[in-house]
N, C-alpha and C. Protein backbone atom coordinates (compact mmCIF):
# COMPACT_ATOMS: atom_id res chain seq x y z
N MET A 1 -15.29 -15.39 1.47
CA MET A 1 -15.88 -14.13 0.54
C MET A 1 -16.64 -14.85 -0.63
N LYS A 2 -17.34 -13.68 -1.18
CA LYS A 2 -18.34 -13.95 -2.44
C LYS A 2 -17.22 -13.61 -3.38
N LEU A 3 -17.67 -14.33 -4.69
CA LEU A 3 -16.93 -13.91 -5.92
C LEU A 3 -16.72 -12.72 -6.37
N ARG A 4 -18.11 -12.06 -5.97
CA ARG A 4 -17.70 -10.45 -6.35
C ARG A 4 -16.80 -10.11 -5.60
N GLN A 5 -16.25 -10.14 -4.57
CA GLN A 5 -15.53 -9.72 -3.39
C GLN A 5 -13.95 -10.03 -4.18
N TRP A 6 -14.22 -11.08 -4.38
CA TRP A 6 -12.74 -11.92 -5.14
C TRP A 6 -12.49 -11.32 -6.46
N VAL A 7 -13.55 -10.71 -7.22
CA VAL A 7 -13.21 -10.06 -8.33
C VAL A 7 -12.67 -8.90 -8.07
N PHE A 8 -13.55 -8.30 -7.73
CA PHE A 8 -12.51 -6.67 -7.19
C PHE A 8 -11.66 -6.70 -6.55
N ASN A 9 -11.28 -7.64 -5.58
CA ASN A 9 -9.50 -8.24 -5.02
C ASN A 9 -8.87 -8.22 -6.45
N ALA A 10 -9.35 -8.98 -7.01
CA ALA A 10 -8.36 -9.22 -8.38
C ALA A 10 -8.04 -8.05 -9.14
N ILE A 11 -8.90 -7.26 -9.45
CA ILE A 11 -8.81 -5.99 -10.12
C ILE A 11 -8.19 -5.15 -9.54
N ILE A 12 -7.98 -4.93 -7.98
CA ILE A 12 -7.18 -4.08 -7.17
C ILE A 12 -5.72 -4.69 -7.62
N ALA A 13 -5.64 -5.76 -7.05
CA ALA A 13 -4.30 -6.78 -7.32
C ALA A 13 -3.65 -6.09 -8.78
N ALA A 14 -4.31 -6.10 -9.72
CA ALA A 14 -3.87 -6.02 -11.18
C ALA A 14 -3.78 -4.84 -11.45
N LEU A 15 -4.51 -4.15 -10.82
CA LEU A 15 -4.26 -2.59 -11.12
C LEU A 15 -2.83 -1.98 -10.18
N TYR A 16 -2.65 -2.96 -8.95
CA TYR A 16 -1.38 -2.26 -8.39
C TYR A 16 -0.20 -3.28 -9.10
N VAL A 17 -0.01 -4.09 -9.69
CA VAL A 17 0.89 -4.85 -10.50
C VAL A 17 0.79 -3.85 -11.71
N ALA A 18 -0.05 -3.46 -12.23
CA ALA A 18 0.43 -2.62 -13.20
C ALA A 18 0.75 -1.47 -12.96
N LEU A 19 0.69 -0.58 -12.18
CA LEU A 19 0.99 0.49 -11.94
C LEU A 19 2.49 0.76 -11.37
N THR A 20 2.44 -0.69 -10.84
CA THR A 20 4.40 -1.07 -10.14
C THR A 20 4.91 -1.19 -11.29
N ALA A 21 4.27 -1.69 -12.16
CA ALA A 21 5.41 -2.01 -13.31
C ALA A 21 5.56 -1.08 -14.27
N VAL A 22 4.63 -0.11 -14.26
CA VAL A 22 4.96 0.77 -15.27
C VAL A 22 5.63 2.21 -14.35
N SER A 23 5.89 1.93 -13.38
CA SER A 23 7.03 2.65 -12.27
C SER A 23 8.12 2.04 -11.67
N ALA A 24 8.27 0.89 -12.06
CA ALA A 24 9.26 0.36 -11.37
C ALA A 24 10.44 0.93 -11.00
N PRO A 25 11.49 1.52 -11.95
CA PRO A 25 12.06 1.89 -11.19
C PRO A 25 12.32 3.03 -10.25
N LEU A 26 11.33 3.26 -10.21
CA LEU A 26 10.83 4.34 -8.70
C LEU A 26 9.93 3.49 -7.71
N SER A 27 10.07 2.04 -7.83
CA SER A 27 9.31 1.62 -6.95
C SER A 27 10.17 0.65 -5.90
N PHE A 28 11.11 0.50 -6.25
CA PHE A 28 12.54 -0.26 -5.37
C PHE A 28 13.42 0.35 -4.97
N GLY A 29 14.28 0.16 -3.90
CA GLY A 29 15.36 0.59 -3.80
C GLY A 29 15.54 2.03 -2.27
N GLY A 30 16.41 2.29 -2.47
CA GLY A 30 16.80 3.34 -1.26
C GLY A 30 15.64 4.58 -0.82
N VAL A 31 15.62 4.91 -1.95
CA VAL A 31 14.49 6.04 -2.53
C VAL A 31 13.19 5.17 -3.37
N GLN A 32 12.01 5.62 -2.67
CA GLN A 32 11.05 4.75 -3.10
C GLN A 32 9.48 5.83 -3.35
N PHE A 33 9.17 6.11 -4.27
CA PHE A 33 7.81 6.28 -4.85
C PHE A 33 7.06 5.50 -5.62
N ARG A 34 6.40 4.64 -4.93
CA ARG A 34 5.65 3.23 -5.80
C ARG A 34 4.30 3.87 -5.68
N ILE A 35 3.99 4.25 -7.01
CA ILE A 35 2.67 4.85 -7.36
C ILE A 35 1.13 3.87 -6.95
N ALA A 36 1.92 2.71 -7.06
CA ALA A 36 0.61 1.88 -6.89
C ALA A 36 0.28 2.06 -5.25
N GLU A 37 0.97 2.39 -4.38
CA GLU A 37 0.70 2.71 -2.91
C GLU A 37 -0.42 3.26 -2.96
N ILE A 38 -1.16 4.35 -3.68
CA ILE A 38 -2.11 5.07 -3.49
C ILE A 38 -3.37 4.07 -3.39
N LEU A 39 -3.46 2.87 -4.05
CA LEU A 39 -4.49 2.09 -3.87
C LEU A 39 -4.69 1.66 -2.40
N ASN A 40 -3.77 1.43 -1.45
CA ASN A 40 -3.88 1.22 -0.39
C ASN A 40 -5.05 2.04 0.38
N HIS A 41 -5.70 3.15 0.08
CA HIS A 41 -6.48 3.92 0.97
C HIS A 41 -7.88 3.05 0.22
N THR A 42 -7.75 1.97 -0.73
CA THR A 42 -9.11 1.15 -0.94
C THR A 42 -9.74 0.67 0.28
N VAL A 43 -8.78 0.72 1.42
CA VAL A 43 -8.95 -0.48 2.55
C VAL A 43 -9.64 0.60 3.48
N VAL A 44 -9.47 1.99 3.11
CA VAL A 44 -10.27 3.00 3.82
C VAL A 44 -11.43 2.79 3.60
N PHE A 45 -12.01 2.51 2.79
CA PHE A 45 -13.33 2.47 2.34
C PHE A 45 -14.15 1.15 2.69
N ASN A 46 -13.14 0.13 2.73
CA ASN A 46 -13.89 -1.24 2.88
C ASN A 46 -12.57 -2.20 3.10
N ARG A 47 -12.59 -2.78 4.17
CA ARG A 47 -11.47 -3.57 4.82
C ARG A 47 -11.31 -4.55 3.68
N LYS A 48 -12.32 -5.24 2.98
CA LYS A 48 -12.25 -6.29 2.26
C LYS A 48 -11.23 -6.08 1.78
N TYR A 49 -10.97 -4.99 1.10
CA TYR A 49 -10.12 -4.63 -0.05
C TYR A 49 -8.32 -4.95 0.24
N ILE A 50 -8.02 -5.37 1.60
CA ILE A 50 -7.07 -5.70 1.90
C ILE A 50 -6.17 -6.72 1.12
N VAL A 51 -7.38 -7.95 0.65
CA VAL A 51 -6.59 -8.99 0.26
C VAL A 51 -5.96 -8.97 -1.19
N GLY A 52 -6.80 -7.81 -2.00
CA GLY A 52 -6.18 -7.24 -3.31
C GLY A 52 -5.01 -6.37 -3.01
N ILE A 53 -4.89 -5.90 -1.81
CA ILE A 53 -3.45 -4.98 -1.64
C ILE A 53 -2.59 -6.21 -1.62
N LEU A 54 -2.85 -7.01 -0.64
CA LEU A 54 -1.80 -7.75 -0.14
C LEU A 54 -1.38 -8.74 -1.66
N ALA A 55 -2.16 -9.09 -2.00
CA ALA A 55 -1.75 -9.82 -3.49
C ALA A 55 -0.97 -9.00 -4.61
N GLY A 56 -1.42 -7.52 -4.70
CA GLY A 56 -0.60 -6.76 -5.57
C GLY A 56 0.73 -6.43 -5.16
N VAL A 57 1.04 -6.83 -4.06
CA VAL A 57 2.40 -6.34 -3.19
C VAL A 57 3.29 -7.57 -3.48
N PHE A 58 2.58 -8.58 -3.29
CA PHE A 58 3.01 -9.98 -3.26
C PHE A 58 3.39 -10.22 -5.04
N LEU A 59 2.60 -9.98 -5.64
CA LEU A 59 2.84 -10.42 -6.75
C LEU A 59 3.39 -9.13 -7.80
N SER A 60 3.57 -8.06 -7.10
CA SER A 60 4.86 -6.72 -7.91
C SER A 60 6.05 -7.40 -7.18
N ASN A 61 6.11 -7.53 -6.38
CA ASN A 61 7.44 -7.80 -5.57
C ASN A 61 7.93 -8.92 -6.14
N LEU A 62 7.04 -10.00 -6.49
CA LEU A 62 7.58 -11.32 -7.08
C LEU A 62 8.20 -10.89 -8.81
N PHE A 63 7.24 -10.27 -9.47
CA PHE A 63 7.30 -10.01 -10.97
C PHE A 63 9.11 -8.90 -11.12
N PHE A 64 8.98 -7.96 -9.90
CA PHE A 64 9.58 -6.81 -10.13
C PHE A 64 10.86 -6.50 -9.79
N SER A 65 10.82 -6.96 -8.47
CA SER A 65 11.90 -6.74 -7.56
C SER A 65 13.20 -7.05 -7.72
N PRO A 66 14.27 -6.40 -7.70
CA PRO A 66 15.50 -7.16 -7.76
C PRO A 66 16.12 -8.02 -6.38
N ILE A 67 15.17 -8.19 -5.72
CA ILE A 67 15.89 -8.85 -4.43
C ILE A 67 14.39 -9.57 -3.92
N VAL A 68 13.69 -10.44 -4.88
CA VAL A 68 12.49 -10.98 -4.58
C VAL A 68 12.16 -11.65 -3.33
N LEU A 69 12.72 -12.56 -2.49
CA LEU A 69 12.14 -12.99 -1.13
C LEU A 69 12.35 -12.04 -0.43
N TYR A 70 13.19 -11.12 -0.08
CA TYR A 70 13.14 -10.09 0.64
C TYR A 70 11.86 -9.32 0.72
N ASP A 71 11.97 -9.02 -0.60
CA ASP A 71 10.43 -8.07 -0.73
C ASP A 71 9.27 -8.80 -0.91
N ILE A 72 9.30 -9.78 -1.11
CA ILE A 72 7.41 -10.60 -0.74
C ILE A 72 7.46 -10.26 0.87
N VAL A 73 8.60 -11.07 1.59
CA VAL A 73 8.27 -11.30 3.30
C VAL A 73 8.25 -9.74 3.90
N PHE A 74 9.06 -8.89 3.47
CA PHE A 74 9.27 -7.59 4.23
C PHE A 74 8.17 -6.67 3.58
N GLY A 75 7.57 -6.39 2.13
CA GLY A 75 7.01 -5.98 1.86
C GLY A 75 5.59 -6.35 2.25
N VAL A 76 5.27 -7.44 1.94
CA VAL A 76 3.74 -7.92 2.50
C VAL A 76 3.32 -7.82 3.81
N ALA A 77 4.54 -8.08 4.59
CA ALA A 77 4.44 -7.54 6.12
C ALA A 77 4.36 -6.21 6.57
N HIS A 78 5.02 -5.29 5.39
CA HIS A 78 4.38 -3.94 5.59
C HIS A 78 3.56 -3.52 5.71
N SER A 79 2.57 -3.65 3.94
CA SER A 79 1.51 -3.38 4.31
C SER A 79 0.28 -3.88 5.03
N LEU A 80 0.95 -5.50 5.46
CA LEU A 80 -0.30 -5.73 6.49
C LEU A 80 -0.06 -5.37 7.65
N ILE A 81 0.60 -5.07 8.15
CA ILE A 81 0.97 -4.14 9.74
C ILE A 81 0.22 -2.75 9.51
N ALA A 82 0.75 -2.43 8.51
CA ALA A 82 0.11 -1.05 8.42
C ALA A 82 -1.18 -0.69 8.01
N LEU A 83 -1.65 -1.53 7.34
CA LEU A 83 -3.10 -1.79 6.86
C LEU A 83 -3.86 -2.05 8.38
N VAL A 84 -3.61 -3.15 8.94
CA VAL A 84 -4.20 -3.43 10.29
C VAL A 84 -4.24 -2.61 11.36
N ALA A 85 -3.06 -1.55 11.37
CA ALA A 85 -2.84 -0.63 12.33
C ALA A 85 -3.90 0.30 11.96
N MET A 86 -3.90 0.93 10.76
CA MET A 86 -4.49 2.20 10.41
C MET A 86 -6.17 1.86 10.51
N ARG A 87 -6.74 0.44 10.35
CA ARG A 87 -7.84 -0.09 10.75
C ARG A 87 -8.46 -0.24 12.15
N VAL A 88 -7.28 -0.55 12.90
CA VAL A 88 -7.78 -0.48 14.67
C VAL A 88 -7.51 0.84 15.00
N VAL A 89 -6.93 1.95 14.53
CA VAL A 89 -6.35 3.40 15.09
C VAL A 89 -7.99 4.06 14.80
N THR A 90 -8.62 3.55 13.19
CA THR A 90 -9.60 4.54 12.86
C THR A 90 -11.09 3.99 13.23
N ARG A 91 -11.09 2.69 13.96
CA ARG A 91 -12.16 2.32 13.97
C ARG A 91 -13.54 2.57 14.39
N LYS A 92 -13.44 3.94 15.28
CA LYS A 92 -14.54 4.62 15.70
C LYS A 92 -14.55 5.75 14.67
N THR A 93 -14.31 5.98 13.85
CA THR A 93 -14.27 7.31 12.82
C THR A 93 -14.74 6.71 11.97
N ASP A 94 -15.92 7.51 10.98
CA ASP A 94 -15.99 7.02 9.85
C ASP A 94 -15.58 8.39 9.01
N ASN A 95 -14.75 9.16 9.15
CA ASN A 95 -14.29 10.41 8.46
C ASN A 95 -13.09 9.85 7.61
N GLN A 96 -13.57 9.67 6.28
CA GLN A 96 -12.69 9.25 5.41
C GLN A 96 -11.57 9.86 5.21
N TRP A 97 -11.29 11.19 5.21
CA TRP A 97 -10.26 12.15 5.37
C TRP A 97 -9.66 11.87 6.40
N ILE A 98 -9.79 11.54 8.00
CA ILE A 98 -9.19 11.00 8.82
C ILE A 98 -8.23 9.74 8.58
N ARG A 99 -9.28 8.72 7.91
CA ARG A 99 -8.81 7.32 7.83
C ARG A 99 -7.55 7.65 6.97
N MET A 100 -7.91 8.12 5.77
CA MET A 100 -6.80 8.25 4.92
C MET A 100 -5.54 9.07 5.03
N GLY A 101 -5.63 10.15 6.28
CA GLY A 101 -4.31 10.62 6.87
C GLY A 101 -3.55 9.76 7.91
N VAL A 102 -4.75 8.59 8.59
CA VAL A 102 -3.73 8.02 8.96
C VAL A 102 -3.11 6.56 8.55
N ASN A 103 -4.11 6.32 7.49
CA ASN A 103 -3.18 5.43 6.61
C ASN A 103 -1.78 5.72 6.23
N THR A 104 -1.82 7.21 5.70
CA THR A 104 -0.41 7.58 5.25
C THR A 104 0.34 7.73 6.38
N LEU A 105 -0.21 7.96 7.24
CA LEU A 105 0.84 8.07 8.39
C LEU A 105 1.34 6.29 8.71
N SER A 106 0.37 5.78 9.01
CA SER A 106 0.75 4.44 9.21
C SER A 106 1.88 3.41 8.13
N PHE A 107 1.52 3.82 6.86
CA PHE A 107 2.65 3.49 6.31
C PHE A 107 3.97 4.06 6.01
N ALA A 108 4.15 5.57 6.51
CA ALA A 108 5.40 5.86 6.84
C ALA A 108 6.05 5.57 7.93
N PHE A 109 5.32 5.56 9.09
CA PHE A 109 5.81 4.92 10.38
C PHE A 109 6.23 3.66 10.21
N PHE A 110 5.41 2.86 9.67
CA PHE A 110 5.62 1.35 9.42
C PHE A 110 6.84 0.75 8.41
N SER A 111 7.63 1.89 7.62
CA SER A 111 8.65 1.89 6.55
C SER A 111 10.08 1.74 7.15
N PHE A 112 10.01 1.49 8.41
CA PHE A 112 11.05 0.88 8.93
C PHE A 112 11.36 -0.63 8.72
N ILE A 113 10.55 -0.99 8.48
CA ILE A 113 10.17 -2.54 8.01
C ILE A 113 11.35 -2.79 6.55
N ILE A 114 10.92 -1.82 5.85
CA ILE A 114 11.39 -2.17 4.34
C ILE A 114 12.90 -1.32 4.85
N ALA A 115 13.10 -0.23 5.25
CA ALA A 115 14.47 -0.07 5.56
C ALA A 115 15.29 -1.14 6.25
N TRP A 116 14.81 -1.68 7.39
CA TRP A 116 15.61 -3.23 7.79
C TRP A 116 15.83 -3.95 6.86
N GLU A 117 14.48 -4.13 5.50
CA GLU A 117 14.81 -5.09 4.74
C GLU A 117 16.16 -4.72 3.90
N LEU A 118 15.93 -3.34 3.49
CA LEU A 118 17.42 -2.63 2.64
C LEU A 118 18.81 -2.75 3.49
N TYR A 119 18.40 -2.86 4.51
CA TYR A 119 20.01 -2.82 5.45
C TYR A 119 20.49 -3.97 5.12
N LEU A 120 19.51 -5.14 5.63
CA LEU A 120 19.87 -7.04 5.53
C LEU A 120 20.25 -6.77 4.42
N ALA A 121 19.80 -6.58 2.80
CA ALA A 121 20.01 -6.85 1.72
C ALA A 121 21.18 -6.39 1.25
N PHE A 122 21.22 -4.87 1.26
CA PHE A 122 22.14 -4.07 0.49
C PHE A 122 23.39 -3.47 1.58
N GLU A 123 22.89 -3.40 2.89
CA GLU A 123 23.51 -3.05 3.98
C GLU A 123 23.55 -1.08 3.42
N PHE A 124 22.12 -0.99 3.33
CA PHE A 124 21.84 0.55 3.03
C PHE A 124 21.69 1.18 4.34
N PRO A 125 21.87 2.45 4.66
CA PRO A 125 22.11 3.15 5.75
C PRO A 125 20.70 2.90 6.64
N PHE A 126 20.48 2.67 7.74
CA PHE A 126 18.95 2.26 8.10
C PHE A 126 18.16 3.77 8.57
N TRP A 127 18.74 4.47 8.93
CA TRP A 127 18.14 5.46 9.11
C TRP A 127 17.98 6.42 8.07
N PHE A 128 18.65 6.87 7.39
CA PHE A 128 18.20 7.41 6.19
C PHE A 128 17.48 7.08 4.91
N THR A 129 17.57 5.30 5.20
CA THR A 129 16.38 4.59 4.37
C THR A 129 15.27 4.71 4.98
N TYR A 130 15.30 4.67 6.04
CA TYR A 130 13.89 4.70 6.85
C TYR A 130 13.24 6.26 6.51
N PHE A 131 14.09 7.34 6.59
CA PHE A 131 13.75 8.68 6.17
C PHE A 131 12.95 8.89 4.65
N THR A 132 13.96 8.01 3.67
CA THR A 132 13.69 8.31 2.35
C THR A 132 12.12 7.27 2.28
N VAL A 133 12.16 6.39 2.31
CA VAL A 133 11.43 5.34 1.82
C VAL A 133 9.51 5.98 2.99
N ALA A 134 9.72 6.54 3.92
CA ALA A 134 8.59 6.95 4.76
C ALA A 134 8.22 8.15 3.71
N LEU A 135 8.92 9.40 3.54
CA LEU A 135 9.21 10.12 2.90
C LEU A 135 8.44 10.19 1.71
N GLY A 136 8.75 9.14 0.62
CA GLY A 136 8.32 8.62 -0.17
C GLY A 136 6.53 7.97 -0.21
N GLU A 137 6.54 7.62 0.77
CA GLU A 137 5.08 6.70 1.08
C GLU A 137 4.23 8.20 1.74
N VAL A 138 4.40 8.90 2.16
CA VAL A 138 3.92 10.24 2.75
C VAL A 138 3.40 11.22 1.20
N VAL A 139 4.46 11.47 0.32
CA VAL A 139 4.18 12.26 -0.59
C VAL A 139 3.51 10.98 -1.46
N VAL A 140 3.84 9.69 -1.88
CA VAL A 140 2.71 9.32 -2.84
C VAL A 140 0.91 8.94 -2.31
N MET A 141 1.13 8.69 -1.16
CA MET A 141 -0.27 8.27 -0.40
C MET A 141 -1.07 10.09 -0.19
N SER A 142 -0.18 10.71 0.14
CA SER A 142 -1.02 12.14 0.31
C SER A 142 -1.59 12.55 -1.04
N ILE A 143 -0.83 12.54 -2.08
CA ILE A 143 -1.03 12.92 -3.53
C ILE A 143 -2.24 11.83 -3.92
N GLY A 144 -2.24 10.63 -3.52
CA GLY A 144 -3.60 9.71 -3.69
C GLY A 144 -4.98 9.93 -2.91
N MET A 145 -4.58 10.99 -1.91
CA MET A 145 -6.12 10.78 -0.91
C MET A 145 -6.96 11.52 -1.48
N PRO A 146 -6.65 12.94 -2.44
CA PRO A 146 -8.06 13.61 -3.27
C PRO A 146 -8.15 12.77 -4.60
N ILE A 147 -7.18 11.77 -4.84
CA ILE A 147 -7.66 11.06 -6.33
C ILE A 147 -8.34 10.10 -5.57
N MET A 148 -8.37 9.41 -4.43
CA MET A 148 -9.22 7.77 -3.69
C MET A 148 -10.25 8.70 -3.61
N LYS A 149 -10.61 9.61 -2.91
CA LYS A 149 -11.91 10.15 -2.68
C LYS A 149 -12.68 10.55 -3.51
N TYR A 150 -12.13 11.27 -4.74
CA TYR A 150 -13.04 11.25 -6.24
C TYR A 150 -13.41 10.00 -6.75
N LEU A 151 -12.42 8.99 -6.77
CA LEU A 151 -12.99 7.66 -7.53
C LEU A 151 -13.87 7.22 -6.36
N ASN A 152 -13.68 7.04 -4.74
CA ASN A 152 -14.86 7.01 -4.42
C ASN A 152 -16.47 7.46 -4.41
N GLU A 153 -16.06 8.56 -4.87
CA GLU A 153 -17.40 9.54 -5.09
C GLU A 153 -17.98 8.79 -6.31
N LYS A 154 -17.21 8.82 -7.07
CA LYS A 154 -17.90 8.29 -8.53
C LYS A 154 -18.24 6.85 -8.66
N MET A 155 -17.42 5.93 -7.71
CA MET A 155 -17.81 4.64 -7.74
C MET A 155 -18.33 3.48 -7.08
N GLY A 156 -17.75 4.30 -5.46
CA GLY A 156 -18.39 3.83 -4.35
C GLY A 156 -17.44 2.70 -3.88
N PHE A 157 -16.40 2.69 -3.43
CA PHE A 157 -15.60 1.14 -2.89
C PHE A 157 -16.76 0.23 -2.43
N ASN A 158 -17.00 0.89 -1.30
CA ASN A 158 -18.02 0.12 -0.62
C ASN A 158 -18.62 -0.54 -0.92
N ARG A 159 -19.57 0.29 -1.73
CA ARG A 159 -20.96 -0.36 -2.45
C ARG A 159 -20.26 -1.37 -3.51
N LEU A 160 -19.19 -1.04 -4.17
CA LEU A 160 -18.60 -2.17 -5.21
C LEU A 160 -18.65 -3.42 -4.40
N MET A 161 -18.08 -3.27 -3.42
CA MET A 161 -17.16 -4.65 -2.90
C MET A 161 -18.42 -5.75 -2.13
N ASN A 162 -19.77 -4.76 -1.47
CA ASN A 162 -20.66 -5.15 -0.89
C ASN A 162 -22.06 -5.37 -1.53
N ALA A 163 -21.92 -5.26 -2.96
CA ALA A 163 -23.67 -5.58 -3.65
C ALA A 163 -23.68 -6.61 -3.51
């Protein structure tokens, strides 16, 4: 990676951590509305942002999670699997709305990983937790779609990463 790509990934990671910090009570537990998940859509515009997202998830879980080790392992795995799945499923479309929609559904679908984590750590009921975590992903990432589309039009995420 070029220095520029490392810098922009560091910015994304820092934004992810900052957003998680200000919304920490909503970002952990059986019902989650992690505002920072909006940034997952940066990978729609350029796959190289995956490094920043994964770093942001890792650091947020390291600093703010009540179950640090669980959240580092399961949270990073959830993000990595969901983002890779989105990239694979959408590799033949350039439509950013479709990609963001698939990204949102990918994070919701793979929320069973977080539900399993919370079952192991706290014995939360798996299916209810799966539903609430997936619902939180859908709500946050759906709200984030037009925001990220607008920011991309103003900033050009792909151009920033590849200039």
